[in-house]
Amino acid sequence: MSGKILQIENLTVSFDGFKALNALNFIMDAGELRVVIGPNGAGKTTFLDAITGKVQPTEGRVLFKGRSLRHLSEHQVARLGIGR
């Protein structure tokens, strides 16, 4: 398998002025397995929440198979096969 299945471009998520994620870029190819690690407060959960639609990004793009997930609800994203 090849090709970008998930692409994150300049993703920023702010909560009352605090940037939980700041200009994050990430690419995942089909068939690839990735692990997100980091200390408490590093933004791991916010990263997953932005992908799954639980949190809407302040800036940036989330693309799944070339389709923007930016304004989709959690259940719409789940129907595409993305969940946690």
C-alpha atoms as a PDB file:
ATOM      1  CA  MET A   1       0.000   0.000   0.000  1.00  0.00           C
ATOM      2  CA  SER A   2       1.185   3.506  -0.661  1.00  0.00           C
ATOM      3  CA  GLY A   3      -0.120   7.042  -0.587  1.00  0.00           C
ATOM      4  CA  LYS A   4      -1.007   9.487   2.120  1.00  0.00           C
ATOM      5  CA  ILE A   5      -3.948   8.296   4.184  1.00  0.00           C
ATOM      6  CA  LEU A   6      -3.722  10.999   6.870  1.00  0.00           C
ATOM      7  CA  GLN A   7      -2.185  14.426   6.446  1.00  0.00           C
ATOM      8  CA  ILE A   8      -2.030  17.162   9.098  1.00  0.00           C
ATOM      9  CA  GLU A   9      -0.915  20.607   7.944  1.00  0.00           C
ATOM     10  CA  ASN A  10      -0.039  23.477  10.303  1.00  0.00           C
ATOM     11  CA  LEU A  11      -2.550  22.277  12.901  1.00  0.00           C
ATOM     12  CA  THR A  12      -3.065  24.700  15.770  1.00  0.00           C
ATOM     13  CA  VAL A  13      -5.534  24.232  18.615  1.00  0.00           C
ATOM     14  CA  SER A  14      -5.916  27.024  21.173  1.00  0.00           C
ATOM     15  CA  PHE A  15      -7.859  27.022  24.429  1.00  0.00           C
ATOM     16  CA  ASP A  16      -8.417  30.552  25.776  1.00  0.00           C
ATOM     17  CA  GLY A  17      -5.142  31.731  24.252  1.00  0.00           C
ATOM     18  CA  PHE A  18      -3.124  28.651  25.294  1.00  0.00           C
ATOM     19  CA  LYS A  19      -1.811  26.781  22.248  1.00  0.00           C
ATOM     20  CA  ALA A  20      -2.159  23.078  22.994  1.00  0.00           C
ATOM     21  CA  LEU A  21      -0.904  22.381  19.451  1.00  0.00           C
ATOM     22  CA  ASN A  22       1.107  24.904  17.473  1.00  0.00           C
ATOM     23  CA  ALA A  23       1.602  24.458  13.696  1.00  0.00           C
ATOM     24  CA  LEU A  24       1.815  20.645  13.862  1.00  0.00           C
ATOM     25  CA  ASN A  25       2.597  18.775  10.633  1.00  0.00           C
ATOM     26  CA  PHE A  26       2.154  15.012  10.285  1.00  0.00           C
ATOM     27  CA  ILE A  27       1.852  12.554   7.393  1.00  0.00           C
ATOM     28  CA  MET A  28       0.832   8.916   7.608  1.00  0.00           C
ATOM     29  CA  ASP A  29       0.969   6.574   4.633  1.00  0.00           C
ATOM     30  CA  ALA A  30      -1.475   3.719   4.057  1.00  0.00           C
ATOM     31  CA  GLY A  31      -0.374   0.578   5.894  1.00  0.00           C
ATOM     32  CA  GLU A  32       1.853   2.526   8.272  1.00  0.00           C
ATOM     33  CA  LEU A  33       1.651   2.238  12.059  1.00  0.00           C
ATOM     34  CA  ARG A  34       2.522   5.247  14.224  1.00  0.00           C
ATOM     35  CA  VAL A  35       2.738   5.800  17.976  1.00  0.00           C
ATOM     36  CA  VAL A  36       2.266   9.182  19.644  1.00  0.00           C
ATOM     37  CA  ILE A  37       4.291   9.553  22.841  1.00  0.00           C
ATOM     38  CA  GLY A  38       5.196  12.458  25.084  1.00  0.00           C
ATOM     39  CA  PRO A  39       4.939  13.822  28.612  1.00  0.00           C
ATOM     40  CA  ASN A  40       1.732  14.943  30.290  1.00  0.00           C
ATOM     41  CA  GLY A  41       0.456  18.149  28.726  1.00  0.00           C
ATOM     42  CA  ALA A  42       2.329  17.669  25.441  1.00  0.00           C
ATOM     43  CA  GLY A  43      -0.878  17.690  23.361  1.00  0.00           C
ATOM     44  CA  LYS A  44      -1.287  13.979  22.555  1.00  0.00           C
ATOM     45  CA  THR A  45      -4.996  13.865  23.416  1.00  0.00           C
ATOM     46  CA  THR A  46      -5.661  17.201  21.713  1.00  0.00           C
ATOM     47  CA  PHE A  47      -3.946  15.843  18.590  1.00  0.00           C
ATOM     48  CA  LEU A  48      -6.257  12.806  18.523  1.00  0.00           C
ATOM     49  CA  ASP A  49      -9.296  14.947  19.396  1.00  0.00           C
ATOM     50  CA  ALA A  50      -8.579  17.237  16.430  1.00  0.00           C
ATOM     51  CA  ILE A  51      -8.365  14.251  14.075  1.00  0.00           C
ATOM     52  CA  THR A  52     -11.560  12.608  15.368  1.00  0.00           C
ATOM     53  CA  GLY A  53     -13.635  15.802  15.364  1.00  0.00           C
ATOM     54  CA  LYS A  54     -14.021  16.138  19.133  1.00  0.00           C
ATOM     55  CA  VAL A  55     -12.092  19.433  19.012  1.00  0.00           C
ATOM     56  CA  GLN A  56     -12.140  21.838  16.062  1.00  0.00           C
ATOM     57  CA  PRO A  57      -8.723  23.240  15.126  1.00  0.00           C
ATOM     58  CA  THR A  58      -8.087  26.961  15.439  1.00  0.00           C
ATOM     59  CA  GLU A  59      -5.957  26.800  12.273  1.00  0.00           C
ATOM     60  CA  GLY A  60      -4.652  24.214   9.847  1.00  0.00           C
ATOM     61  CA  ARG A  61      -5.954  21.235   7.912  1.00  0.00           C
ATOM     62  CA  VAL A  62      -6.734  17.610   8.700  1.00  0.00           C
ATOM     63  CA  LEU A  63      -7.050  15.468   5.566  1.00  0.00           C
ATOM     64  CA  PHE A  64      -8.096  11.809   5.432  1.00  0.00           C
ATOM     65  CA  LYS A  65      -7.636  10.212   2.014  1.00  0.00           C
ATOM     66  CA  GLY A  66      -7.492  13.752   0.603  1.00  0.00           C
ATOM     67  CA  ARG A  67     -10.793  14.804   2.213  1.00  0.00           C
ATOM     68  CA  SER A  68     -10.879  17.607   4.770  1.00  0.00           C
ATOM     69  CA  LEU A  69     -12.143  16.592   8.216  1.00  0.00           C
ATOM     70  CA  ARG A  70     -11.999  20.132   9.550  1.00  0.00           C
ATOM     71  CA  HIS A  71     -15.725  20.838   9.881  1.00  0.00           C
ATOM     72  CA  LEU A  72     -17.040  17.304  10.333  1.00  0.00           C
ATOM     73  CA  SER A  73     -18.629  16.176  13.589  1.00  0.00           C
ATOM     74  CA  GLU A  74     -17.305  13.250  15.621  1.00  0.00           C
ATOM     75  CA  HIS A  75     -19.919  10.837  14.291  1.00  0.00           C
ATOM     76  CA  GLN A  76     -19.252  11.897  10.679  1.00  0.00           C
ATOM     77  CA  VAL A  77     -15.532  11.243  11.154  1.00  0.00           C
ATOM     78  CA  ALA A  78     -16.337   7.871  12.770  1.00  0.00           C
ATOM     79  CA  ARG A  79     -18.374   6.898   9.710  1.00  0.00           C
ATOM     80  CA  LEU A  80     -15.235   7.410   7.624  1.00  0.00           C
ATOM     81  CA  GLY A  81     -13.511   4.777   9.787  1.00  0.00           C
ATOM     82  CA  ILE A  82     -11.610   7.004  12.215  1.00  0.00           C
ATOM     83  CA  GLY A  83     -12.233   6.574  15.943  1.00  0.00           C
ATOM     84  CA  ARG A  84     -10.561   6.121  19.258  1.00  0.00           C
END
